[in-house]
Amino acid sequence: MSGIQNHKAFVIESQLQAAARGEAEALFDLGLAYANGGAALAADPVEAHKWFNLAALNGVEEAKYCRADIADTMTAREIAEAQRRARSWLAAAAMQGLVAA
């Protein structure tokens, strides 16, 4: 893995850790990362929708628009899967005391 790829992987891991702490901007940044993809991360609209949804729930206004934009490119099944993943993430975070149940 090149130095740039290592750095990008580190940034993604850092954002995942920040998201686990409930940092709303990290949730949004993960949505952007999955929406756009790149060297360290493949584009994944389902994951992007999940993270935008979580960011929107945490008050990031722009995430609502990004979620709607990406939803326009997704099937109903993909949107349902993204919502299921968001609920699963919330449940896991609640079990760890990171968000209210």
PDB file of N, CA and C in Angstrom:
ATOM      1  N   MET A   1       0.856  -1.172   0.000  1.00  0.00           N
ATOM      2  CA  MET A   1       0.000   0.000   0.000  1.00  0.00           C
ATOM      3  C   MET A   1       0.901   1.234   0.000  1.00  0.00           C
ATOM      4  N   SER A   2       0.598   2.187  -0.844  1.00  0.00           N
ATOM      5  CA  SER A   2       1.421   3.398  -0.915  1.00  0.00           C
ATOM      6  C   SER A   2       1.187   4.284   0.307  1.00  0.00           C
ATOM      7  N   GLY A   3       2.061   5.271   0.459  1.00  0.00           N
ATOM      8  CA  GLY A   3       1.923   6.208   1.571  1.00  0.00           C
ATOM      9  C   GLY A   3       0.608   6.957   1.536  1.00  0.00           C
ATOM     10  N   ILE A   4       0.179   7.346   0.345  1.00  0.00           N
ATOM     11  CA  ILE A   4      -1.095   8.072   0.213  1.00  0.00           C
ATOM     12  C   ILE A   4      -2.250   7.161   0.598  1.00  0.00           C
ATOM     13  N   GLN A   5      -2.226   5.915   0.143  1.00  0.00           N
ATOM     14  CA  GLN A   5      -3.298   4.980   0.494  1.00  0.00           C
ATOM     15  C   GLN A   5      -3.304   4.712   1.987  1.00  0.00           C
ATOM     16  N   ASN A   6      -2.127   4.583   2.584  1.00  0.00           N
ATOM     17  CA  ASN A   6      -2.051   4.397   4.031  1.00  0.00           C
ATOM     18  C   ASN A   6      -2.659   5.582   4.764  1.00  0.00           C
ATOM     19  N   HIS A   7      -2.351   6.794   4.292  1.00  0.00           N
ATOM     20  CA  HIS A   7      -2.899   7.998   4.916  1.00  0.00           C
ATOM     21  C   HIS A   7      -4.426   8.018   4.788  1.00  0.00           C
ATOM     22  N   LYS A   8      -4.945   7.697   3.598  1.00  0.00           N
ATOM     23  CA  LYS A   8      -6.397   7.701   3.405  1.00  0.00           C
ATOM     24  C   LYS A   8      -7.070   6.651   4.275  1.00  0.00           C
ATOM     25  N   ALA A   9      -6.456   5.474   4.388  1.00  0.00           N
ATOM     26  CA  ALA A   9      -7.007   4.433   5.256  1.00  0.00           C
ATOM     27  C   ALA A   9      -7.003   4.905   6.710  1.00  0.00           C
ATOM     28  N   PHE A  10      -5.946   5.604   7.119  1.00  0.00           N
ATOM     29  CA  PHE A  10      -5.863   6.147   8.477  1.00  0.00           C
ATOM     30  C   PHE A  10      -6.969   7.178   8.708  1.00  0.00           C
ATOM     31  N   VAL A  11      -7.206   8.039   7.719  1.00  0.00           N
ATOM     32  CA  VAL A  11      -8.250   9.060   7.837  1.00  0.00           C
ATOM     33  C   VAL A  11      -9.615   8.395   7.990  1.00  0.00           C
ATOM     34  N   ILE A  12      -9.895   7.380   7.181  1.00  0.00           N
ATOM     35  CA  ILE A  12     -11.178   6.669   7.288  1.00  0.00           C
ATOM     36  C   ILE A  12     -11.299   6.042   8.676  1.00  0.00           C
ATOM     37  N   GLU A  13     -10.259   5.387   9.135  1.00  0.00           N
ATOM     38  CA  GLU A  13     -10.293   4.768  10.464  1.00  0.00           C
ATOM     39  C   GLU A  13     -10.514   5.825  11.548  1.00  0.00           C
ATOM     40  N   SER A  14      -9.877   6.963  11.409  1.00  0.00           N
ATOM     41  CA  SER A  14     -10.060   8.056  12.373  1.00  0.00           C
ATOM     42  C   SER A  14     -11.508   8.543  12.371  1.00  0.00           C
ATOM     43  N   GLN A  15     -12.097   8.650  11.185  1.00  0.00           N
ATOM     44  CA  GLN A  15     -13.491   9.091  11.088  1.00  0.00           C
ATOM     45  C   GLN A  15     -14.423   8.047  11.698  1.00  0.00           C
ATOM     46  N   LEU A  16     -14.133   6.763  11.485  1.00  0.00           N
ATOM     47  CA  LEU A  16     -14.951   5.708  12.094  1.00  0.00           C
ATOM     48  C   LEU A  16     -14.885   5.783  13.618  1.00  0.00           C
ATOM     49  N   GLN A  17     -13.708   6.051  14.152  1.00  0.00           N
ATOM     50  CA  GLN A  17     -13.569   6.189  15.602  1.00  0.00           C
ATOM     51  C   GLN A  17     -14.326   7.416  16.115  1.00  0.00           C
ATOM     52  N   ALA A  18     -14.236   8.520  15.380  1.00  0.00           N
ATOM     53  CA  ALA A  18     -14.968   9.731  15.767  1.00  0.00           C
ATOM     54  C   ALA A  18     -16.476   9.497  15.681  1.00  0.00           C
ATOM     55  N   ALA A  19     -16.904   8.782  14.649  1.00  0.00           N
ATOM     56  CA  ALA A  19     -18.333   8.462  14.512  1.00  0.00           C
ATOM     57  C   ALA A  19     -18.800   7.610  15.686  1.00  0.00           C
ATOM     58  N   ALA A  20     -17.955   6.671  16.097  1.00  0.00           N
ATOM     59  CA  ALA A  20     -18.294   5.817  17.238  1.00  0.00           C
ATOM     60  C   ALA A  20     -18.439   6.628  18.520  1.00  0.00           C
ATOM     61  N   ARG A  21     -17.785   7.776  18.571  1.00  0.00           N
ATOM     62  CA  ARG A  21     -17.925   8.675  19.733  1.00  0.00           C
ATOM     63  C   ARG A  21     -19.127   9.605  19.580  1.00  0.00           C
ATOM     64  N   GLY A  22     -19.833   9.493  18.428  1.00  0.00           N
ATOM     65  CA  GLY A  22     -21.022  10.299  18.214  1.00  0.00           C
ATOM     66  C   GLY A  22     -20.774  11.656  17.585  1.00  0.00           C
ATOM     67  N   GLU A  23     -19.608  11.855  16.988  1.00  0.00           N
ATOM     68  CA  GLU A  23     -19.295  13.137  16.361  1.00  0.00           C
ATOM     69  C   GLU A  23     -20.026  13.243  15.016  1.00  0.00           C
ATOM     70  N   ALA A  24     -20.986  14.155  14.944  1.00  0.00           N
ATOM     71  CA  ALA A  24     -21.865  14.284  13.781  1.00  0.00           C
ATOM     72  C   ALA A  24     -21.107  14.593  12.498  1.00  0.00           C
ATOM     73  N   GLU A  25     -20.106  15.434  12.565  1.00  0.00           N
ATOM     74  CA  GLU A  25     -19.346  15.768  11.349  1.00  0.00           C
ATOM     75  C   GLU A  25     -18.593  14.555  10.817  1.00  0.00           C
ATOM     76  N   ALA A  26     -18.162  13.677  11.692  1.00  0.00           N
ATOM     77  CA  ALA A  26     -17.492  12.449  11.254  1.00  0.00           C
ATOM     78  C   ALA A  26     -18.476  11.556  10.513  1.00  0.00           C
ATOM     79  N   LEU A  27     -19.711  11.502  10.990  1.00  0.00           N
ATOM     80  CA  LEU A  27     -20.750  10.735  10.294  1.00  0.00           C
ATOM     81  C   LEU A  27     -20.929  11.273   8.878  1.00  0.00           C
ATOM     82  N   PHE A  28     -20.992  12.579   8.765  1.00  0.00           N
ATOM     83  CA  PHE A  28     -21.153  13.222   7.462  1.00  0.00           C
ATOM     84  C   PHE A  28     -19.937  12.966   6.568  1.00  0.00           C
ATOM     85  N   ASP A  29     -18.743  13.097   7.131  1.00  0.00           N
ATOM     86  CA  ASP A  29     -17.525  12.867   6.360  1.00  0.00           C
ATOM     87  C   ASP A  29     -17.459  11.431   5.836  1.00  0.00           C
ATOM     88  N   LEU A  30     -17.916  10.477   6.624  1.00  0.00           N
ATOM     89  CA  LEU A  30     -17.957   9.095   6.155  1.00  0.00           C
ATOM     90  C   LEU A  30     -18.947   8.946   4.998  1.00  0.00           C
ATOM     91  N   GLY A  31     -20.072   9.641   5.083  1.00  0.00           N
ATOM     92  CA  GLY A  31     -21.015   9.629   3.960  1.00  0.00           C
ATOM     93  C   GLY A  31     -20.364  10.135   2.699  1.00  0.00           C
ATOM     94  N   LEU A  32     -19.628  11.223   2.808  1.00  0.00           N
ATOM     95  CA  LEU A  32     -18.927  11.771   1.640  1.00  0.00           C
ATOM     96  C   LEU A  32     -17.895  10.785   1.109  1.00  0.00           C
ATOM     97  N   ALA A  33     -17.150  10.159   2.009  1.00  0.00           N
ATOM     98  CA  ALA A  33     -16.111   9.215   1.594  1.00  0.00           C
ATOM     99  C   ALA A  33     -16.714   8.047   0.819  1.00  0.00           C
ATOM    100  N   TYR A  34     -17.804   7.493   1.340  1.00  0.00           N
ATOM    101  CA  TYR A  34     -18.437   6.364   0.658  1.00  0.00           C
ATOM    102  C   TYR A  34     -19.167   6.799  -0.609  1.00  0.00           C
ATOM    103  N   ALA A  35     -19.662   8.006  -0.642  1.00  0.00           N
ATOM    104  CA  ALA A  35     -20.339   8.494  -1.847  1.00  0.00           C
ATOM    105  C   ALA A  35     -19.357   8.675  -2.996  1.00  0.00           C
ATOM    106  N   ASN A  36     -18.171   9.169  -2.664  1.00  0.00           N
ATOM    107  CA  ASN A  36     -17.190   9.495  -3.700  1.00  0.00           C
ATOM    108  C   ASN A  36     -16.190   8.385  -3.976  1.00  0.00           C
ATOM    109  N   GLY A  37     -15.951   7.533  -2.994  1.00  0.00           N
ATOM    110  CA  GLY A  37     -14.952   6.489  -3.170  1.00  0.00           C
ATOM    111  C   GLY A  37     -13.563   7.084  -3.314  1.00  0.00           C
ATOM    112  N   GLY A  38     -12.617   6.251  -3.649  1.00  0.00           N
ATOM    113  CA  GLY A  38     -11.243   6.706  -3.822  1.00  0.00           C
ATOM    114  C   GLY A  38     -10.279   5.557  -3.659  1.00  0.00           C
ATOM    115  N   ALA A  39      -9.016   5.891  -3.548  1.00  0.00           N
ATOM    116  CA  ALA A  39      -7.966   4.876  -3.492  1.00  0.00           C
ATOM    117  C   ALA A  39      -8.100   3.962  -2.274  1.00  0.00           C
ATOM    118  N   ALA A  40      -8.499   4.499  -1.144  1.00  0.00           N
ATOM    119  CA  ALA A  40      -8.562   3.703   0.082  1.00  0.00           C
ATOM    120  C   ALA A  40      -9.947   3.125   0.347  1.00  0.00           C
ATOM    121  N   LEU A  41     -10.915   3.484  -0.483  1.00  0.00           N
ATOM    122  CA  LEU A  41     -12.293   3.111  -0.190  1.00  0.00           C
ATOM    123  C   LEU A  41     -13.109   3.082  -1.475  1.00  0.00           C
ATOM    124  N   ALA A  42     -13.790   1.982  -1.723  1.00  0.00           N
ATOM    125  CA  ALA A  42     -14.645   1.892  -2.901  1.00  0.00           C
ATOM    126  C   ALA A  42     -15.943   2.678  -2.655  1.00  0.00           C
ATOM    127  N   ALA A  43     -16.440   3.315  -3.696  1.00  0.00           N
ATOM    128  CA  ALA A  43     -17.728   4.003  -3.579  1.00  0.00           C
ATOM    129  C   ALA A  43     -18.807   2.974  -3.250  1.00  0.00           C
ATOM    130  N   ASP A  44     -19.669   3.331  -2.320  1.00  0.00           N
ATOM    131  CA  ASP A  44     -20.736   2.425  -1.874  1.00  0.00           C
ATOM    132  C   ASP A  44     -21.947   3.270  -1.495  1.00  0.00           C
ATOM    133  N   PRO A  45     -22.927   3.382  -2.401  1.00  0.00           N
ATOM    134  CA  PRO A  45     -24.079   4.244  -2.120  1.00  0.00           C
ATOM    135  C   PRO A  45     -24.890   3.807  -0.904  1.00  0.00           C
ATOM    136  N   VAL A  46     -24.934   2.512  -0.622  1.00  0.00           N
ATOM    137  CA  VAL A  46     -25.682   2.038   0.551  1.00  0.00           C
ATOM    138  C   VAL A  46     -25.013   2.544   1.832  1.00  0.00           C
ATOM    139  N   GLU A  47     -23.690   2.391   1.909  1.00  0.00           N
ATOM    140  CA  GLU A  47     -22.965   2.897   3.082  1.00  0.00           C
ATOM    141  C   GLU A  47     -23.040   4.423   3.156  1.00  0.00           C
ATOM    142  N   ALA A  48     -22.936   5.079   2.013  1.00  0.00           N
ATOM    143  CA  ALA A  48     -23.025   6.542   2.000  1.00  0.00           C
ATOM    144  C   ALA A  48     -24.369   6.994   2.551  1.00  0.00           C
ATOM    145  N   HIS A  49     -25.447   6.377   2.090  1.00  0.00           N
ATOM    146  CA  HIS A  49     -26.792   6.725   2.559  1.00  0.00           C
ATOM    147  C   HIS A  49     -26.896   6.505   4.065  1.00  0.00           C
ATOM    148  N   LYS A  50     -26.350   5.366   4.534  1.00  0.00           N
ATOM    149  CA  LYS A  50     -26.374   5.070   5.977  1.00  0.00           C
ATOM    150  C   LYS A  50     -25.723   6.195   6.770  1.00  0.00           C
ATOM    151  N   TRP A  51     -24.510   6.587   6.380  1.00  0.00           N
ATOM    152  CA  TRP A  51     -23.793   7.616   7.127  1.00  0.00           C
ATOM    153  C   TRP A  51     -24.456   8.981   7.000  1.00  0.00           C
ATOM    154  N   PHE A  52     -24.972   9.316   5.815  1.00  0.00           N
ATOM    155  CA  PHE A  52     -25.705  10.580   5.673  1.00  0.00           C
ATOM    156  C   PHE A  52     -26.953  10.573   6.555  1.00  0.00           C
ATOM    157  N   ASN A  53     -27.630   9.441   6.611  1.00  0.00           N
ATOM    158  CA  ASN A  53     -28.824   9.322   7.445  1.00  0.00           C
ATOM    159  C   ASN A  53     -28.474   9.545   8.915  1.00  0.00           C
ATOM    160  N   LEU A  54     -27.404   8.908   9.380  1.00  0.00           N
ATOM    161  CA  LEU A  54     -26.979   9.075  10.766  1.00  0.00           C
ATOM    162  C   LEU A  54     -26.557  10.516  11.047  1.00  0.00           C
ATOM    163  N   ALA A  55     -25.864  11.135  10.098  1.00  0.00           N
ATOM    164  CA  ALA A  55     -25.453  12.536  10.270  1.00  0.00           C
ATOM    165  C   ALA A  55     -26.684  13.446  10.336  1.00  0.00           C
ATOM    166  N   ALA A  56     -27.660  13.184   9.464  1.00  0.00           N
ATOM    167  CA  ALA A  56     -28.892  13.989   9.467  1.00  0.00           C
ATOM    168  C   ALA A  56     -29.613  13.855  10.809  1.00  0.00           C
ATOM    169  N   LEU A  57     -29.657  12.637  11.329  1.00  0.00           N
ATOM    170  CA  LEU A  57     -30.288  12.417  12.636  1.00  0.00           C
ATOM    171  C   LEU A  57     -29.570  13.158  13.755  1.00  0.00           C
ATOM    172  N   ASN A  58     -28.287  13.455  13.522  1.00  0.00           N
ATOM    173  CA  ASN A  58     -27.482  14.160  14.515  1.00  0.00           C
ATOM    174  C   ASN A  58     -27.344  15.645  14.209  1.00  0.00           C
ATOM    175  N   GLY A  59     -28.218  16.160  13.342  1.00  0.00           N
ATOM    176  CA  GLY A  59     -28.300  17.596  13.152  1.00  0.00           C
ATOM    177  C   GLY A  59     -27.485  18.200  12.028  1.00  0.00           C
ATOM    178  N   VAL A  60     -26.856  17.394  11.188  1.00  0.00           N
ATOM    179  CA  VAL A  60     -26.088  17.936  10.065  1.00  0.00           C
ATOM    180  C   VAL A  60     -27.056  18.167   8.906  1.00  0.00           C
ATOM    181  N   GLU A  61     -27.424  19.420   8.721  1.00  0.00           N
ATOM    182  CA  GLU A  61     -28.440  19.789   7.727  1.00  0.00           C
ATOM    183  C   GLU A  61     -28.048  19.357   6.312  1.00  0.00           C
ATOM    184  N   GLU A  62     -26.800  19.574   5.944  1.00  0.00           N
ATOM    185  CA  GLU A  62     -26.351  19.233   4.588  1.00  0.00           C
ATOM    186  C   GLU A  62     -26.483  17.734   4.303  1.00  0.00           C
ATOM    187  N   ALA A  63     -26.407  16.916   5.346  1.00  0.00           N
ATOM    188  CA  ALA A  63     -26.525  15.469   5.177  1.00  0.00           C
ATOM    189  C   ALA A  63     -27.890  15.082   4.623  1.00  0.00           C
ATOM    190  N   LYS A  64     -28.918  15.840   4.976  1.00  0.00           N
ATOM    191  CA  LYS A  64     -30.265  15.560   4.451  1.00  0.00           C
ATOM    192  C   LYS A  64     -30.291  15.680   2.939  1.00  0.00           C
ATOM    193  N   TYR A  65     -29.627  16.700   2.418  1.00  0.00           N
ATOM    194  CA  TYR A  65     -29.599  16.919   0.970  1.00  0.00           C
ATOM    195  C   TYR A  65     -28.746  15.865   0.264  1.00  0.00           C
ATOM    196  N   CYS A  66     -27.620  15.533   0.871  1.00  0.00           N
ATOM    197  CA  CYS A  66     -26.754  14.507   0.285  1.00  0.00           C
ATOM    198  C   CYS A  66     -27.460  13.150   0.282  1.00  0.00           C
ATOM    199  N   ARG A  67     -28.157  12.850   1.369  1.00  0.00           N
ATOM    200  CA  ARG A  67     -28.907  11.595   1.449  1.00  0.00           C
ATOM    201  C   ARG A  67     -29.962  11.535   0.350  1.00  0.00           C
ATOM    202  N   ALA A  68     -30.662  12.622   0.130  1.00  0.00           N
ATOM    203  CA  ALA A  68     -31.683  12.658  -0.922  1.00  0.00           C
ATOM    204  C   ALA A  68     -31.064  12.507  -2.305  1.00  0.00           C
ATOM    205  N   ASP A  69     -29.934  13.172  -2.512  1.00  0.00           N
ATOM    206  CA  ASP A  69     -29.258  13.068  -3.811  1.00  0.00           C
ATOM    207  C   ASP A  69     -28.826  11.643  -4.103  1.00  0.00           C
ATOM    208  N   ILE A  70     -28.225  11.003  -3.132  1.00  0.00           N
ATOM    209  CA  ILE A  70     -27.744   9.641  -3.375  1.00  0.00           C
ATOM    210  C   ILE A  70     -28.909   8.668  -3.483  1.00  0.00           C
ATOM    211  N   ALA A  71     -29.987   8.929  -2.760  1.00  0.00           N
ATOM    212  CA  ALA A  71     -31.162   8.057  -2.838  1.00  0.00           C
ATOM    213  C   ALA A  71     -31.751   8.044  -4.247  1.00  0.00           C
ATOM    214  N   ASP A  72     -31.590   9.155  -4.967  1.00  0.00           N
ATOM    215  CA  ASP A  72     -32.089   9.224  -6.349  1.00  0.00           C
ATOM    216  C   ASP A  72     -31.388   8.236  -7.267  1.00  0.00           C
ATOM    217  N   THR A  73     -30.219   7.738  -6.873  1.00  0.00           N
ATOM    218  CA  THR A  73     -29.456   6.806  -7.709  1.00  0.00           C
ATOM    219  C   THR A  73     -29.610   5.366  -7.240  1.00  0.00           C
ATOM    220  N   MET A  74     -30.396   5.150  -6.174  1.00  0.00           N
ATOM    221  CA  MET A  74     -30.491   3.837  -5.542  1.00  0.00           C
ATOM    222  C   MET A  74     -31.841   3.187  -5.796  1.00  0.00           C
ATOM    223  N   THR A  75     -31.864   1.854  -5.700  1.00  0.00           N
ATOM    224  CA  THR A  75     -33.124   1.120  -5.767  1.00  0.00           C
ATOM    225  C   THR A  75     -33.798   1.160  -4.396  1.00  0.00           C
ATOM    226  N   ALA A  76     -35.063   0.802  -4.351  1.00  0.00           N
ATOM    227  CA  ALA A  76     -35.790   0.748  -3.085  1.00  0.00           C
ATOM    228  C   ALA A  76     -35.137  -0.257  -2.135  1.00  0.00           C
ATOM    229  N   ARG A  77     -34.639  -1.368  -2.664  1.00  0.00           N
ATOM    230  CA  ARG A  77     -33.967  -2.366  -1.822  1.00  0.00           C
ATOM    231  C   ARG A  77     -32.683  -1.816  -1.216  1.00  0.00           C
ATOM    232  N   GLU A  78     -31.939  -1.067  -2.021  1.00  0.00           N
ATOM    233  CA  GLU A  78     -30.701  -0.475  -1.512  1.00  0.00           C
ATOM    234  C   GLU A  78     -30.992   0.531  -0.407  1.00  0.00           C
ATOM    235  N   ILE A  79     -32.027   1.341  -0.585  1.00  0.00           N
ATOM    236  CA  ILE A  79     -32.399   2.316   0.443  1.00  0.00           C
ATOM    237  C   ILE A  79     -32.837   1.598   1.714  1.00  0.00           C
ATOM    238  N   ALA A  80     -33.628   0.542   1.562  1.00  0.00           N
ATOM    239  CA  ALA A  80     -34.067  -0.231   2.725  1.00  0.00           C
ATOM    240  C   ALA A  80     -32.866  -0.837   3.454  1.00  0.00           C
ATOM    241  N   GLU A  81     -31.884  -1.333   2.707  1.00  0.00           N
ATOM    242  CA  GLU A  81     -30.679  -1.898   3.325  1.00  0.00           C
ATOM    243  C   GLU A  81     -29.894  -0.814   4.054  1.00  0.00           C
ATOM    244  N   ALA A  82     -29.781   0.364   3.458  1.00  0.00           N
ATOM    245  CA  ALA A  82     -29.073   1.473   4.103  1.00  0.00           C
ATOM    246  C   ALA A  82     -29.764   1.853   5.415  1.00  0.00           C
ATOM    247  N   GLN A  83     -31.081   1.886   5.402  1.00  0.00           N
ATOM    248  CA  GLN A  83     -31.832   2.222   6.613  1.00  0.00           C
ATOM    249  C   GLN A  83     -31.667   1.137   7.676  1.00  0.00           C
ATOM    250  N   ARG A  84     -31.646  -0.128   7.232  1.00  0.00           N
ATOM    251  CA  ARG A  84     -31.432  -1.232   8.173  1.00  0.00           C
ATOM    252  C   ARG A  84     -30.050  -1.110   8.818  1.00  0.00           C
ATOM    253  N   ARG A  85     -29.040  -0.795   8.006  1.00  0.00           N
ATOM    254  CA  ARG A  85     -27.679  -0.639   8.538  1.00  0.00           C
ATOM    255  C   ARG A  85     -27.592   0.541   9.512  1.00  0.00           C
ATOM    256  N   ALA A  86     -28.293   1.614   9.220  1.00  0.00           N
ATOM    257  CA  ALA A  86     -28.285   2.772  10.119  1.00  0.00           C
ATOM    258  C   ALA A  86     -28.928   2.405  11.457  1.00  0.00           C
ATOM    259  N   ARG A  87     -30.051   1.690  11.407  1.00  0.00           N
ATOM    260  CA  ARG A  87     -30.705   1.264  12.655  1.00  0.00           C
ATOM    261  C   ARG A  87     -29.797   0.324  13.446  1.00  0.00           C
ATOM    262  N   SER A  88     -29.117  -0.569  12.747  1.00  0.00           N
ATOM    263  CA  SER A  88     -28.212  -1.501  13.393  1.00  0.00           C
ATOM    264  C   SER A  88     -27.058  -0.750  14.067  1.00  0.00           C
ATOM    265  N   TRP A  89     -26.513   0.249  13.368  1.00  0.00           N
ATOM    266  CA  TRP A  89     -25.428   1.049  13.943  1.00  0.00           C
ATOM    267  C   TRP A  89     -25.917   1.782  15.179  1.00  0.00           C
ATOM    268  N   LEU A  90     -27.119   2.355  15.116  1.00  0.00           N
ATOM    269  CA  LEU A  90     -27.684   3.061  16.264  1.00  0.00           C
ATOM    270  C   LEU A  90     -27.891   2.131  17.455  1.00  0.00           C
ATOM    271  N   ALA A  91     -28.384   0.922  17.172  1.00  0.00           N
ATOM    272  CA  ALA A  91     -28.614  -0.048  18.245  1.00  0.00           C
ATOM    273  C   ALA A  91     -27.293  -0.429  18.903  1.00  0.00           C
ATOM    274  N   ALA A  92     -26.263  -0.654  18.099  1.00  0.00           N
ATOM    275  CA  ALA A  92     -24.951  -1.010  18.650  1.00  0.00           C
ATOM    276  C   ALA A  92     -24.375   0.155  19.455  1.00  0.00           C
ATOM    277  N   ALA A  93     -24.533   1.359  18.945  1.00  0.00           N
ATOM    278  CA  ALA A  93     -24.035   2.540  19.649  1.00  0.00           C
ATOM    279  C   ALA A  93     -24.784   2.735  20.971  1.00  0.00           C
ATOM    280  N   ALA A  94     -26.085   2.475  20.971  1.00  0.00           N
ATOM    281  CA  ALA A  94     -26.880   2.595  22.203  1.00  0.00           C
ATOM    282  C   ALA A  94     -26.444   1.573  23.232  1.00  0.00           C
ATOM    283  N   MET A  95     -26.134   0.358  22.767  1.00  0.00           N
ATOM    284  CA  MET A  95     -25.676  -0.701  23.696  1.00  0.00           C
ATOM    285  C   MET A  95     -24.367  -0.302  24.375  1.00  0.00           C
ATOM    286  N   GLN A  96     -23.556   0.485  23.649  1.00  0.00           N
ATOM    287  CA  GLN A  96     -22.282   0.931  24.205  1.00  0.00           C
ATOM    288  C   GLN A  96     -22.416   2.250  24.962  1.00  0.00           C
ATOM    289  N   GLY A  97     -23.646   2.776  25.036  1.00  0.00           N
ATOM    290  CA  GLY A  97     -23.886   4.013  25.757  1.00  0.00           C
ATOM    291  C   GLY A  97     -23.454   5.256  25.007  1.00  0.00           C
ATOM    292  N   LEU A  98     -23.262   5.141  23.685  1.00  0.00           N
ATOM    293  CA  LEU A  98     -22.804   6.282  22.890  1.00  0.00           C
ATOM    294  C   LEU A  98     -23.937   7.177  22.445  1.00  0.00           C
ATOM    295  N   VAL A  99     -25.131   6.616  22.308  1.00  0.00           N
ATOM    296  CA  VAL A  99     -26.320   7.395  21.936  1.00  0.00           C
ATOM    297  C   VAL A  99     -27.473   6.943  22.818  1.00  0.00           C
ATOM    298  N   ALA A 100     -28.497   7.769  22.905  1.00  0.00           N
ATOM    299  CA  ALA A 100     -29.675   7.411  23.691  1.00  0.00           C
ATOM    300  C   ALA A 100     -30.411   6.289  22.996  1.00  0.00           C
ATOM    301  N   ALA A 101     -30.919   5.357  23.766  1.00  0.00           N
ATOM    302  CA  ALA A 101     -31.659   4.209  23.200  1.00  0.00           C
ATOM    303  C   ALA A 101     -33.048   4.615  22.775  1.00  0.00           C
TER     304      ALA A 101
END
